[in-house]
Amino acid sequence: MKKNIILILMLICILAISGCWSHKIETKEKVVTIGIAQWGANPEFMRNVQGFKDGLAENGYIEGENIEFIIENPETDLELQRTIIESFVKQKVDLIFSITTPGTLVAKNVTSEIPIVFSVCTFPVESGVIDSLESSGNNIVGTRNYVSVARQYSAFEKIYPHTKTLAFIHHKGEPNSAAQYLEMKDLLEKKDIKIIDVAAVDLKDMRMQLEHIIKDVDSLFSACDTLTHSAGGEETIIELAKQYKKPSFACNKEGILLGHLMGNVADFYVIGKISGRQAALILGGARPSSLLTESPAEDYLILNTKTAAEIGIEIPQYILDDAEEIVQ
């Protein structure tokens, strides 16, 4: 009888331990997988991705613990981007993070089921990524690198108030910069400033058009699009601007680092971090269409004093004091 009691007690202990182990396995935290489609080798895009990761980490998604990232780079190739997004779908990732408007449009066309969070899309509504900033109407939400041309030109005008003719340089047919051109045109017309539309199909065309008109313009603006940002466009514009000692400004931080005079830009790390927060909300159960697509709330003024010296412009001290970053 005593042996039977001991056996029964042992059996109860085994069952209890087994139950606890089973419960532990069942309640083990799921590891989330996110596919990241980067876009070229622009260092600012890398900062954007890091901001995205940090935004997730601040909301409890720690790489190596409960989240993993599959990072691929299409190098601005739309067909390769499609292949990458299709591979994410096949791998059944929980969420896709896409950079730039062209890259996000490809992702949108590949999947309407997997949540997509984007960043560095200047005009996501106008380009057809989402229905509105308040509600996307689909499986997509994200952050814009939008700073109004009024804010951008106001900062530039404080340094160089002598513009009578401005060259607006952008990629022909790209929705982002087409919308930005109309915004700039409307602003400058009110100031009685002529705007020359340099809509280029490629770098060769850009150089040819600029060489034709640059003697007749007072300043140049490098728009927000893939030709200026990712394909060597900034370098072409900067080279000619310096050669003819014309002040140029840009909506992309990398452009000022490369040699534009200045820019009032979006901080790609900051908007990446906001996108990370949005991703955390979606992973927690929120629908993308229930979230707002956000823009940078604060100005990020970056000045290049080396370029200023090269083209003979003196930047007032009060503007230098207001700058977030100075390139020397």
C-alpha atoms as a PDB file:
ATOM      1  CA  MET A   1       0.000   0.000   0.000  1.00  0.00           C
ATOM      2  CA  LYS A   2       2.814   2.338   0.902  1.00  0.00           C
ATOM      3  CA  LYS A   3       4.544   1.598  -2.430  1.00  0.00           C
ATOM      4  CA  ASN A   4       1.312   2.375  -4.289  1.00  0.00           C
ATOM      5  CA  ILE A   5       1.018   5.726  -2.534  1.00  0.00           C
ATOM      6  CA  ILE A   6       4.635   6.579  -3.422  1.00  0.00           C
ATOM      7  CA  LEU A   7       4.042   5.618  -7.065  1.00  0.00           C
ATOM      8  CA  ILE A   8       0.888   7.744  -7.204  1.00  0.00           C
ATOM      9  CA  LEU A   9       2.720  10.744  -5.712  1.00  0.00           C
ATOM     10  CA  MET A  10       5.562  10.310  -8.200  1.00  0.00           C
ATOM     11  CA  LEU A  11       3.084  10.145 -11.082  1.00  0.00           C
ATOM     12  CA  ILE A  12       1.369  13.313  -9.869  1.00  0.00           C
ATOM     13  CA  CYS A  13       4.735  15.135  -9.717  1.00  0.00           C
ATOM     14  CA  ILE A  14       5.680  13.975 -13.223  1.00  0.00           C
ATOM     15  CA  LEU A  15       2.343  15.139 -14.606  1.00  0.00           C
ATOM     16  CA  ALA A  16       2.658  18.494 -12.822  1.00  0.00           C
ATOM     17  CA  ILE A  17       6.192  19.081 -14.133  1.00  0.00           C
ATOM     18  CA  SER A  18       5.116  18.019 -17.642  1.00  0.00           C
ATOM     19  CA  GLY A  19       2.180  20.420 -17.504  1.00  0.00           C
ATOM     20  CA  CYS A  20       4.359  23.308 -16.410  1.00  0.00           C
ATOM     21  CA  TRP A  21       6.901  22.567 -19.192  1.00  0.00           C
ATOM     22  CA  SER A  22       4.140  22.322 -21.766  1.00  0.00           C
ATOM     23  CA  HIS A  23       2.680  25.632 -20.607  1.00  0.00           C
ATOM     24  CA  LYS A  24       6.113  27.243 -20.797  1.00  0.00           C
ATOM     25  CA  ILE A  25       6.543  26.082 -24.403  1.00  0.00           C
ATOM     26  CA  GLU A  26       3.079  27.248 -25.380  1.00  0.00           C
ATOM     27  CA  THR A  27       3.545  30.711 -23.874  1.00  0.00           C
ATOM     28  CA  LYS A  28       7.055  31.302 -25.257  1.00  0.00           C
ATOM     29  CA  GLU A  29       7.153  34.716 -26.957  1.00  0.00           C
ATOM     30  CA  LYS A  30       6.815  34.603 -30.743  1.00  0.00           C
ATOM     31  CA  VAL A  31       9.736  35.962 -32.759  1.00  0.00           C
ATOM     32  CA  VAL A  32       8.473  38.546 -35.257  1.00  0.00           C
ATOM     33  CA  THR A  33      10.062  38.758 -38.704  1.00  0.00           C
ATOM     34  CA  ILE A  34      10.274  42.004 -40.669  1.00  0.00           C
ATOM     35  CA  GLY A  35      11.480  42.282 -44.251  1.00  0.00           C
ATOM     36  CA  ILE A  36      13.364  45.527 -44.932  1.00  0.00           C
ATOM     37  CA  ALA A  37      13.787  46.696 -48.520  1.00  0.00           C
ATOM     38  CA  GLN A  38      16.484  49.350 -48.436  1.00  0.00           C
ATOM     39  CA  TRP A  39      17.086  51.579 -51.477  1.00  0.00           C
ATOM     40  CA  GLY A  40      20.636  52.046 -52.696  1.00  0.00           C
ATOM     41  CA  ALA A  41      23.758  52.927 -50.725  1.00  0.00           C
ATOM     42  CA  ASN A  42      22.756  56.404 -49.567  1.00  0.00           C
ATOM     43  CA  PRO A  43      24.033  56.683 -45.953  1.00  0.00           C
ATOM     44  CA  GLU A  44      20.879  58.595 -45.035  1.00  0.00           C
ATOM     45  CA  PHE A  45      18.789  55.551 -45.964  1.00  0.00           C
ATOM     46  CA  MET A  46      20.944  53.505 -43.590  1.00  0.00           C
ATOM     47  CA  ARG A  47      20.193  56.054 -40.841  1.00  0.00           C
ATOM     48  CA  ASN A  48      16.515  55.703 -41.714  1.00  0.00           C
ATOM     49  CA  VAL A  49      16.696  51.920 -41.235  1.00  0.00           C
ATOM     50  CA  GLN A  50      18.520  52.357 -37.920  1.00  0.00           C
ATOM     51  CA  GLY A  51      15.855  54.796 -36.774  1.00  0.00           C
ATOM     52  CA  PHE A  52      13.203  52.226 -37.717  1.00  0.00           C
ATOM     53  CA  LYS A  53      14.933  49.550 -35.639  1.00  0.00           C
ATOM     54  CA  ASP A  54      15.373  51.917 -32.705  1.00  0.00           C
ATOM     55  CA  GLY A  55      11.703  52.919 -32.857  1.00  0.00           C
ATOM     56  CA  LEU A  56      10.740  49.255 -32.593  1.00  0.00           C
ATOM     57  CA  ALA A  57      13.239  48.648 -29.781  1.00  0.00           C
ATOM     58  CA  GLU A  58      11.805  51.522 -27.748  1.00  0.00           C
ATOM     59  CA  ASN A  59       8.438  49.790 -28.000  1.00  0.00           C
ATOM     60  CA  GLY A  60       9.629  46.386 -26.811  1.00  0.00           C
ATOM     61  CA  TYR A  61      10.784  44.709 -30.041  1.00  0.00           C
ATOM     62  CA  ILE A  62      14.447  43.860 -29.431  1.00  0.00           C
ATOM     63  CA  GLU A  63      16.563  42.408 -32.225  1.00  0.00           C
ATOM     64  CA  GLY A  64      17.915  38.997 -31.239  1.00  0.00           C
ATOM     65  CA  GLU A  65      15.188  38.494 -28.636  1.00  0.00           C
ATOM     66  CA  ASN A  66      11.702  38.798 -30.094  1.00  0.00           C
ATOM     67  CA  ILE A  67      12.278  40.259 -33.559  1.00  0.00           C
ATOM     68  CA  GLU A  68      14.470  39.490 -36.547  1.00  0.00           C
ATOM     69  CA  PHE A  69      15.115  41.472 -39.727  1.00  0.00           C
ATOM     70  CA  ILE A  70      15.670  40.275 -43.273  1.00  0.00           C
ATOM     71  CA  ILE A  71      17.420  43.173 -45.046  1.00  0.00           C
ATOM     72  CA  GLU A  72      17.676  43.284 -48.830  1.00  0.00           C
ATOM     73  CA  ASN A  73      18.809  46.130 -51.108  1.00  0.00           C
ATOM     74  CA  PRO A  74      17.338  46.475 -54.629  1.00  0.00           C
ATOM     75  CA  GLU A  75      19.895  49.203 -55.469  1.00  0.00           C
ATOM     76  CA  THR A  76      17.099  51.351 -57.008  1.00  0.00           C
ATOM     77  CA  ASP A  77      16.226  48.543 -59.466  1.00  0.00           C
ATOM     78  CA  LEU A  78      12.415  48.217 -59.635  1.00  0.00           C
ATOM     79  CA  GLU A  79      12.472  44.650 -60.952  1.00  0.00           C
ATOM     80  CA  LEU A  80      14.846  43.579 -58.206  1.00  0.00           C
ATOM     81  CA  GLN A  81      12.594  45.338 -55.692  1.00  0.00           C
ATOM     82  CA  ARG A  82       9.661  43.261 -56.949  1.00  0.00           C
ATOM     83  CA  THR A  83      11.702  40.066 -56.565  1.00  0.00           C
ATOM     84  CA  ILE A  84      12.673  41.066 -53.020  1.00  0.00           C
ATOM     85  CA  ILE A  85       9.102  41.856 -51.956  1.00  0.00           C
ATOM     86  CA  GLU A  86       7.873  38.581 -53.494  1.00  0.00           C
ATOM     87  CA  SER A  87      10.531  36.738 -51.479  1.00  0.00           C
ATOM     88  CA  PHE A  88       9.293  38.447 -48.303  1.00  0.00           C
ATOM     89  CA  VAL A  89       5.763  37.268 -49.098  1.00  0.00           C
ATOM     90  CA  LYS A  90       6.961  33.692 -49.649  1.00  0.00           C
ATOM     91  CA  GLN A  91       8.832  33.808 -46.336  1.00  0.00           C
ATOM     92  CA  LYS A  92       5.599  34.991 -44.661  1.00  0.00           C
ATOM     93  CA  VAL A  93       7.178  37.959 -42.915  1.00  0.00           C
ATOM     94  CA  ASP A  94       4.959  39.723 -40.389  1.00  0.00           C
ATOM     95  CA  LEU A  95       5.588  43.197 -41.822  1.00  0.00           C
ATOM     96  CA  ILE A  96       7.491  44.912 -44.655  1.00  0.00           C
ATOM     97  CA  PHE A  97       9.462  48.149 -44.284  1.00  0.00           C
ATOM     98  CA  SER A  98      10.010  49.963 -47.568  1.00  0.00           C
ATOM     99  CA  ILE A  99      12.019  53.095 -48.345  1.00  0.00           C
ATOM    100  CA  THR A 100      11.135  55.666 -51.067  1.00  0.00           C
ATOM    101  CA  THR A 101       8.043  56.131 -53.188  1.00  0.00           C
ATOM    102  CA  PRO A 102       9.059  53.904 -56.141  1.00  0.00           C
ATOM    103  CA  GLY A 103      10.047  51.087 -53.796  1.00  0.00           C
ATOM    104  CA  THR A 104       6.813  51.351 -51.817  1.00  0.00           C
ATOM    105  CA  LEU A 105       4.654  51.401 -54.955  1.00  0.00           C
ATOM    106  CA  VAL A 106       6.250  48.102 -55.990  1.00  0.00           C
ATOM    107  CA  ALA A 107       5.530  46.640 -52.534  1.00  0.00           C
ATOM    108  CA  LYS A 108       1.937  47.848 -52.757  1.00  0.00           C
ATOM    109  CA  ASN A 109       1.470  46.113 -56.107  1.00  0.00           C
ATOM    110  CA  VAL A 110       2.890  42.826 -54.797  1.00  0.00           C
ATOM    111  CA  THR A 111       0.877  42.380 -51.586  1.00  0.00           C
ATOM    112  CA  SER A 112      -2.316  43.767 -50.124  1.00  0.00           C
ATOM    113  CA  GLU A 113      -2.243  41.367 -47.158  1.00  0.00           C
ATOM    114  CA  ILE A 114       1.062  41.890 -45.350  1.00  0.00           C
ATOM    115  CA  PRO A 115       1.270  45.264 -43.537  1.00  0.00           C
ATOM    116  CA  ILE A 116       3.671  47.701 -45.199  1.00  0.00           C
ATOM    117  CA  VAL A 117       5.296  50.591 -43.352  1.00  0.00           C
ATOM    118  CA  PHE A 118       7.136  53.116 -45.524  1.00  0.00           C
ATOM    119  CA  SER A 119       9.493  56.031 -45.052  1.00  0.00           C
ATOM    120  CA  VAL A 120      11.120  58.708 -47.249  1.00  0.00           C
ATOM    121  CA  CYS A 121       8.015  59.143 -49.391  1.00  0.00           C
ATOM    122  CA  THR A 122       7.550  62.867 -49.965  1.00  0.00           C
ATOM    123  CA  PHE A 123       4.064  62.821 -51.498  1.00  0.00           C
ATOM    124  CA  PRO A 124       2.492  59.409 -50.742  1.00  0.00           C
ATOM    125  CA  VAL A 125      -1.058  60.584 -51.499  1.00  0.00           C
ATOM    126  CA  GLU A 126      -0.267  62.297 -54.794  1.00  0.00           C
ATOM    127  CA  SER A 127       1.831  59.337 -55.943  1.00  0.00           C
ATOM    128  CA  GLY A 128      -0.901  56.800 -55.151  1.00  0.00           C
ATOM    129  CA  VAL A 129       0.696  54.986 -52.224  1.00  0.00           C
ATOM    130  CA  ILE A 130      -2.186  55.820 -49.856  1.00  0.00           C
ATOM    131  CA  ASP A 131      -5.627  57.436 -50.079  1.00  0.00           C
ATOM    132  CA  SER A 132      -5.011  60.146 -47.474  1.00  0.00           C
ATOM    133  CA  LEU A 133      -2.681  61.074 -44.642  1.00  0.00           C
ATOM    134  CA  GLU A 134      -5.494  60.470 -42.127  1.00  0.00           C
ATOM    135  CA  SER A 135      -6.399  56.980 -43.372  1.00  0.00           C
ATOM    136  CA  SER A 136      -4.480  55.040 -46.001  1.00  0.00           C
ATOM    137  CA  GLY A 137      -7.458  52.930 -47.084  1.00  0.00           C
ATOM    138  CA  ASN A 138      -5.159  49.915 -47.442  1.00  0.00           C
ATOM    139  CA  ASN A 139      -2.456  47.862 -45.714  1.00  0.00           C
ATOM    140  CA  ILE A 140       0.071  50.708 -45.780  1.00  0.00           C
ATOM    141  CA  VAL A 141       1.134  53.581 -43.510  1.00  0.00           C
ATOM    142  CA  GLY A 142       4.369  55.446 -42.917  1.00  0.00           C
ATOM    143  CA  THR A 143       6.318  58.685 -42.735  1.00  0.00           C
ATOM    144  CA  ARG A 144       6.994  61.446 -45.229  1.00  0.00           C
ATOM    145  CA  ASN A 145      10.268  63.288 -45.717  1.00  0.00           C
ATOM    146  CA  TYR A 146       8.132  66.300 -46.569  1.00  0.00           C
ATOM    147  CA  VAL A 147       9.167  69.815 -45.625  1.00  0.00           C
ATOM    148  CA  SER A 148       7.060  72.468 -47.340  1.00  0.00           C
ATOM    149  CA  VAL A 149       8.807  74.478 -50.056  1.00  0.00           C
ATOM    150  CA  ALA A 150       7.734  77.601 -48.164  1.00  0.00           C
ATOM    151  CA  ARG A 151       9.866  76.489 -45.199  1.00  0.00           C
ATOM    152  CA  GLN A 152      12.708  75.414 -47.492  1.00  0.00           C
ATOM    153  CA  TYR A 153      12.786  78.569 -49.589  1.00  0.00           C
ATOM    154  CA  SER A 154      12.377  80.832 -46.563  1.00  0.00           C
ATOM    155  CA  ALA A 155      15.562  79.413 -45.049  1.00  0.00           C
ATOM    156  CA  PHE A 156      17.440  79.734 -48.356  1.00  0.00           C
ATOM    157  CA  GLU A 157      16.199  83.274 -48.957  1.00  0.00           C
ATOM    158  CA  LYS A 158      17.675  84.458 -45.655  1.00  0.00           C
ATOM    159  CA  ILE A 159      21.108  83.478 -46.960  1.00  0.00           C
ATOM    160  CA  TYR A 160      20.628  84.489 -50.601  1.00  0.00           C
ATOM    161  CA  PRO A 161      17.797  87.016 -51.178  1.00  0.00           C
ATOM    162  CA  HIS A 162      18.870  87.899 -54.737  1.00  0.00           C
ATOM    163  CA  THR A 163      17.116  85.217 -56.792  1.00  0.00           C
ATOM    164  CA  LYS A 164      15.201  86.408 -59.847  1.00  0.00           C
ATOM    165  CA  THR A 165      15.356  83.111 -61.722  1.00  0.00           C
ATOM    166  CA  LEU A 166      15.543  79.652 -60.108  1.00  0.00           C
ATOM    167  CA  ALA A 167      16.251  76.303 -61.782  1.00  0.00           C
ATOM    168  CA  PHE A 168      14.125  73.491 -60.336  1.00  0.00           C
ATOM    169  CA  ILE A 169      15.929  70.217 -61.105  1.00  0.00           C
ATOM    170  CA  HIS A 170      14.112  66.899 -60.900  1.00  0.00           C
ATOM    171  CA  HIS A 171      13.358  63.525 -62.472  1.00  0.00           C
ATOM    172  CA  LYS A 172      10.913  63.788 -65.335  1.00  0.00           C
ATOM    173  CA  GLY A 173       7.635  61.981 -64.663  1.00  0.00           C
ATOM    174  CA  GLU A 174       8.266  61.162 -60.991  1.00  0.00           C
ATOM    175  CA  PRO A 175       5.161  62.053 -58.922  1.00  0.00           C
ATOM    176  CA  ASN A 176       7.089  63.224 -55.846  1.00  0.00           C
ATOM    177  CA  SER A 177       9.049  65.971 -57.543  1.00  0.00           C
ATOM    178  CA  ALA A 178       6.247  66.825 -59.975  1.00  0.00           C
ATOM    179  CA  ALA A 179       4.055  67.750 -56.995  1.00  0.00           C
ATOM    180  CA  GLN A 180       6.949  69.608 -55.395  1.00  0.00           C
ATOM    181  CA  TYR A 181       7.528  71.568 -58.612  1.00  0.00           C
ATOM    182  CA  LEU A 182       3.937  72.806 -58.630  1.00  0.00           C
ATOM    183  CA  GLU A 183       4.252  73.834 -54.984  1.00  0.00           C
ATOM    184  CA  MET A 184       7.499  75.724 -55.676  1.00  0.00           C
ATOM    185  CA  LYS A 185       6.078  77.323 -58.838  1.00  0.00           C
ATOM    186  CA  ASP A 186       3.071  78.641 -56.933  1.00  0.00           C
ATOM    187  CA  LEU A 187       5.297  80.076 -54.184  1.00  0.00           C
ATOM    188  CA  LEU A 188       7.793  81.768 -56.522  1.00  0.00           C
ATOM    189  CA  GLU A 189       5.138  83.278 -58.759  1.00  0.00           C
ATOM    190  CA  LYS A 190       3.818  85.134 -55.720  1.00  0.00           C
ATOM    191  CA  LYS A 191       7.338  86.476 -55.180  1.00  0.00           C
ATOM    192  CA  ASP A 192       7.683  87.440 -58.867  1.00  0.00           C
ATOM    193  CA  ILE A 193      10.513  84.930 -59.307  1.00  0.00           C
ATOM    194  CA  LYS A 194      10.833  82.985 -62.561  1.00  0.00           C
ATOM    195  CA  ILE A 195      11.180  79.207 -62.287  1.00  0.00           C
ATOM    196  CA  ILE A 196      12.831  77.069 -64.966  1.00  0.00           C
ATOM    197  CA  ASP A 197      11.680  73.455 -65.030  1.00  0.00           C
ATOM    198  CA  VAL A 198      14.691  71.172 -65.537  1.00  0.00           C
ATOM    199  CA  ALA A 199      12.895  67.831 -65.891  1.00  0.00           C
ATOM    200  CA  ALA A 200      15.577  65.266 -66.744  1.00  0.00           C
ATOM    201  CA  VAL A 201      15.150  61.678 -67.907  1.00  0.00           C
ATOM    202  CA  ASP A 202      18.679  60.697 -66.825  1.00  0.00           C
ATOM    203  CA  LEU A 203      22.007  62.180 -65.712  1.00  0.00           C
ATOM    204  CA  LYS A 204      23.167  62.924 -69.246  1.00  0.00           C
ATOM    205  CA  ASP A 205      19.971  64.825 -69.945  1.00  0.00           C
ATOM    206  CA  MET A 206      20.260  66.655 -66.620  1.00  0.00           C
ATOM    207  CA  ARG A 207      23.797  67.825 -67.375  1.00  0.00           C
ATOM    208  CA  MET A 208      22.881  68.910 -70.905  1.00  0.00           C
ATOM    209  CA  GLN A 209      19.885  70.955 -69.738  1.00  0.00           C
ATOM    210  CA  LEU A 210      21.806  72.563 -66.873  1.00  0.00           C
ATOM    211  CA  GLU A 211      24.749  73.532 -69.072  1.00  0.00           C
ATOM    212  CA  HIS A 212      22.265  75.183 -71.435  1.00  0.00           C
ATOM    213  CA  ILE A 213      20.513  77.355 -68.825  1.00  0.00           C
ATOM    214  CA  ILE A 214      22.870  77.765 -65.862  1.00  0.00           C
ATOM    215  CA  LYS A 215      24.318  81.117 -66.953  1.00  0.00           C
ATOM    216  CA  ASP A 216      20.789  82.550 -66.973  1.00  0.00           C
ATOM    217  CA  VAL A 217      19.708  81.449 -63.488  1.00  0.00           C
ATOM    218  CA  ASP A 218      20.542  82.900 -60.085  1.00  0.00           C
ATOM    219  CA  SER A 219      20.119  79.765 -57.974  1.00  0.00           C
ATOM    220  CA  LEU A 220      19.300  76.068 -58.189  1.00  0.00           C
ATOM    221  CA  PHE A 221      17.066  73.692 -56.223  1.00  0.00           C
ATOM    222  CA  SER A 222      17.573  69.918 -56.146  1.00  0.00           C
ATOM    223  CA  ALA A 223      14.180  68.268 -55.716  1.00  0.00           C
ATOM    224  CA  CYS A 224      13.140  65.198 -53.739  1.00  0.00           C
ATOM    225  CA  ASP A 225      13.278  62.233 -56.115  1.00  0.00           C
ATOM    226  CA  THR A 226      15.283  59.160 -57.046  1.00  0.00           C
ATOM    227  CA  LEU A 227      17.370  60.743 -59.816  1.00  0.00           C
ATOM    228  CA  THR A 228      18.730  63.485 -57.573  1.00  0.00           C
ATOM    229  CA  HIS A 229      19.057  61.338 -54.440  1.00  0.00           C
ATOM    230  CA  SER A 230      20.271  57.963 -55.573  1.00  0.00           C
ATOM    231  CA  ALA A 231      21.718  58.084 -59.066  1.00  0.00           C
ATOM    232  CA  GLY A 232      24.424  60.735 -58.938  1.00  0.00           C
ATOM    233  CA  GLY A 233      22.160  63.680 -59.634  1.00  0.00           C
ATOM    234  CA  GLU A 234      23.280  65.666 -56.579  1.00  0.00           C
ATOM    235  CA  GLU A 235      26.924  65.457 -57.671  1.00  0.00           C
ATOM    236  CA  THR A 236      26.072  66.715 -61.163  1.00  0.00           C
ATOM    237  CA  ILE A 237      24.092  69.693 -59.848  1.00  0.00           C
ATOM    238  CA  ILE A 238      26.749  70.579 -57.262  1.00  0.00           C
ATOM    239  CA  GLU A 239      29.574  70.366 -59.785  1.00  0.00           C
ATOM    240  CA  LEU A 240      27.938  72.834 -62.165  1.00  0.00           C
ATOM    241  CA  ALA A 241      26.660  75.111 -59.392  1.00  0.00           C
ATOM    242  CA  LYS A 242      30.174  75.494 -58.005  1.00  0.00           C
ATOM    243  CA  GLN A 243      31.702  75.896 -61.456  1.00  0.00           C
ATOM    244  CA  TYR A 244      29.404  78.852 -62.184  1.00  0.00           C
ATOM    245  CA  LYS A 245      29.343  80.031 -58.531  1.00  0.00           C
ATOM    246  CA  LYS A 246      25.583  79.680 -58.212  1.00  0.00           C
ATOM    247  CA  PRO A 247      24.036  78.908 -54.799  1.00  0.00           C
ATOM    248  CA  SER A 248      22.127  75.633 -54.707  1.00  0.00           C
ATOM    249  CA  PHE A 249      19.894  74.162 -52.044  1.00  0.00           C
ATOM    250  CA  ALA A 250      18.259  70.767 -51.630  1.00  0.00           C
ATOM    251  CA  CYS A 251      15.563  68.887 -49.733  1.00  0.00           C
ATOM    252  CA  ASN A 252      17.915  65.987 -49.059  1.00  0.00           C
ATOM    253  CA  LYS A 253      20.530  66.053 -46.277  1.00  0.00           C
ATOM    254  CA  GLU A 254      22.993  63.940 -48.270  1.00  0.00           C
ATOM    255  CA  GLY A 255      22.989  66.642 -50.945  1.00  0.00           C
ATOM    256  CA  ILE A 256      24.234  69.274 -48.489  1.00  0.00           C
ATOM    257  CA  LEU A 257      26.873  66.878 -47.183  1.00  0.00           C
ATOM    258  CA  LEU A 258      28.025  66.460 -50.788  1.00  0.00           C
ATOM    259  CA  GLY A 259      28.219  70.189 -51.448  1.00  0.00           C
ATOM    260  CA  HIS A 260      24.926  72.073 -51.775  1.00  0.00           C
ATOM    261  CA  LEU A 261      24.946  75.364 -49.880  1.00  0.00           C
ATOM    262  CA  MET A 262      22.114  74.480 -47.506  1.00  0.00           C
ATOM    263  CA  GLY A 263      18.828  72.732 -46.942  1.00  0.00           C
ATOM    264  CA  ASN A 264      15.898  72.640 -44.569  1.00  0.00           C
ATOM    265  CA  VAL A 265      15.362  68.905 -44.623  1.00  0.00           C
ATOM    266  CA  ALA A 266      13.722  65.958 -42.924  1.00  0.00           C
ATOM    267  CA  ASP A 267      15.943  64.022 -40.550  1.00  0.00           C
ATOM    268  CA  PHE A 268      15.802  60.501 -41.993  1.00  0.00           C
ATOM    269  CA  TYR A 269      16.707  58.922 -38.643  1.00  0.00           C
ATOM    270  CA  VAL A 270      13.825  60.707 -36.904  1.00  0.00           C
ATOM    271  CA  ILE A 271      11.206  59.745 -39.480  1.00  0.00           C
ATOM    272  CA  GLY A 272      12.576  56.192 -39.484  1.00  0.00           C
ATOM    273  CA  LYS A 273      12.025  56.089 -35.735  1.00  0.00           C
ATOM    274  CA  ILE A 274       8.420  57.229 -36.174  1.00  0.00           C
ATOM    275  CA  SER A 275       7.945  54.444 -38.734  1.00  0.00           C
ATOM    276  CA  GLY A 276       9.320  51.989 -36.163  1.00  0.00           C
ATOM    277  CA  ARG A 277       6.738  53.157 -33.661  1.00  0.00           C
ATOM    278  CA  GLN A 278       4.005  52.688 -36.271  1.00  0.00           C
ATOM    279  CA  ALA A 279       5.282  49.168 -36.984  1.00  0.00           C
ATOM    280  CA  ALA A 280       5.149  48.342 -33.263  1.00  0.00           C
ATOM    281  CA  LEU A 281       1.504  49.445 -33.125  1.00  0.00           C
ATOM    282  CA  ILE A 282       0.664  47.245 -36.123  1.00  0.00           C
ATOM    283  CA  LEU A 283       2.471  44.241 -34.635  1.00  0.00           C
ATOM    284  CA  GLY A 284       0.405  44.872 -31.512  1.00  0.00           C
ATOM    285  CA  GLY A 285      -2.831  44.608 -33.471  1.00  0.00           C
ATOM    286  CA  ALA A 286      -3.469  48.039 -35.008  1.00  0.00           C
ATOM    287  CA  ARG A 287      -4.611  48.282 -38.633  1.00  0.00           C
ATOM    288  CA  PRO A 288      -2.357  50.436 -40.879  1.00  0.00           C
ATOM    289  CA  SER A 289      -5.415  52.338 -42.129  1.00  0.00           C
ATOM    290  CA  SER A 290      -6.217  53.387 -38.548  1.00  0.00           C
ATOM    291  CA  LEU A 291      -2.872  55.186 -38.157  1.00  0.00           C
ATOM    292  CA  LEU A 292      -1.807  58.614 -39.407  1.00  0.00           C
ATOM    293  CA  THR A 293       0.913  59.020 -42.021  1.00  0.00           C
ATOM    294  CA  GLU A 294       3.256  61.496 -40.358  1.00  0.00           C
ATOM    295  CA  SER A 295       5.683  64.252 -41.400  1.00  0.00           C
ATOM    296  CA  PRO A 296       8.649  65.744 -39.514  1.00  0.00           C
ATOM    297  CA  ALA A 297       7.356  68.303 -37.037  1.00  0.00           C
ATOM    298  CA  GLU A 298      10.587  70.272 -36.650  1.00  0.00           C
ATOM    299  CA  ASP A 299      12.949  71.932 -39.109  1.00  0.00           C
ATOM    300  CA  TYR A 300      16.417  70.467 -39.604  1.00  0.00           C
ATOM    301  CA  LEU A 301      18.601  73.222 -41.025  1.00  0.00           C
ATOM    302  CA  ILE A 302      21.940  72.046 -42.389  1.00  0.00           C
ATOM    303  CA  LEU A 303      24.536  74.456 -43.812  1.00  0.00           C
ATOM    304  CA  ASN A 304      27.703  73.880 -45.812  1.00  0.00           C
ATOM    305  CA  THR A 305      30.147  76.689 -44.926  1.00  0.00           C
ATOM    306  CA  LYS A 306      32.854  75.187 -47.153  1.00  0.00           C
ATOM    307  CA  THR A 307      30.598  75.607 -50.178  1.00  0.00           C
ATOM    308  CA  ALA A 308      29.632  79.109 -49.039  1.00  0.00           C
ATOM    309  CA  ALA A 309      33.303  80.108 -49.049  1.00  0.00           C
ATOM    310  CA  GLU A 310      33.873  78.513 -52.466  1.00  0.00           C
ATOM    311  CA  ILE A 311      31.096  80.483 -54.144  1.00  0.00           C
ATOM    312  CA  GLY A 312      31.638  83.695 -52.209  1.00  0.00           C
ATOM    313  CA  ILE A 313      28.586  83.795 -49.921  1.00  0.00           C
ATOM    314  CA  GLU A 314      28.692  84.855 -46.282  1.00  0.00           C
ATOM    315  CA  ILE A 315      26.157  83.140 -44.038  1.00  0.00           C
ATOM    316  CA  PRO A 316      24.819  85.450 -41.280  1.00  0.00           C
ATOM    317  CA  GLN A 317      25.763  84.423 -37.753  1.00  0.00           C
ATOM    318  CA  TYR A 318      22.149  84.201 -36.564  1.00  0.00           C
ATOM    319  CA  ILE A 319      21.489  81.575 -39.238  1.00  0.00           C
ATOM    320  CA  LEU A 320      24.610  79.642 -38.263  1.00  0.00           C
ATOM    321  CA  ASP A 321      23.353  79.721 -34.684  1.00  0.00           C
ATOM    322  CA  ASP A 322      20.003  78.232 -35.769  1.00  0.00           C
ATOM    323  CA  ALA A 323      21.551  75.361 -37.753  1.00  0.00           C
ATOM    324  CA  GLU A 324      21.202  71.794 -36.522  1.00  0.00           C
ATOM    325  CA  GLU A 325      24.294  70.774 -38.454  1.00  0.00           C
ATOM    326  CA  ILE A 326      27.167  72.619 -40.151  1.00  0.00           C
ATOM    327  CA  VAL A 327      29.419  71.049 -42.789  1.00  0.00           C
ATOM    328  CA  GLN A 328      32.880  72.641 -42.740  1.00  0.00           C
END
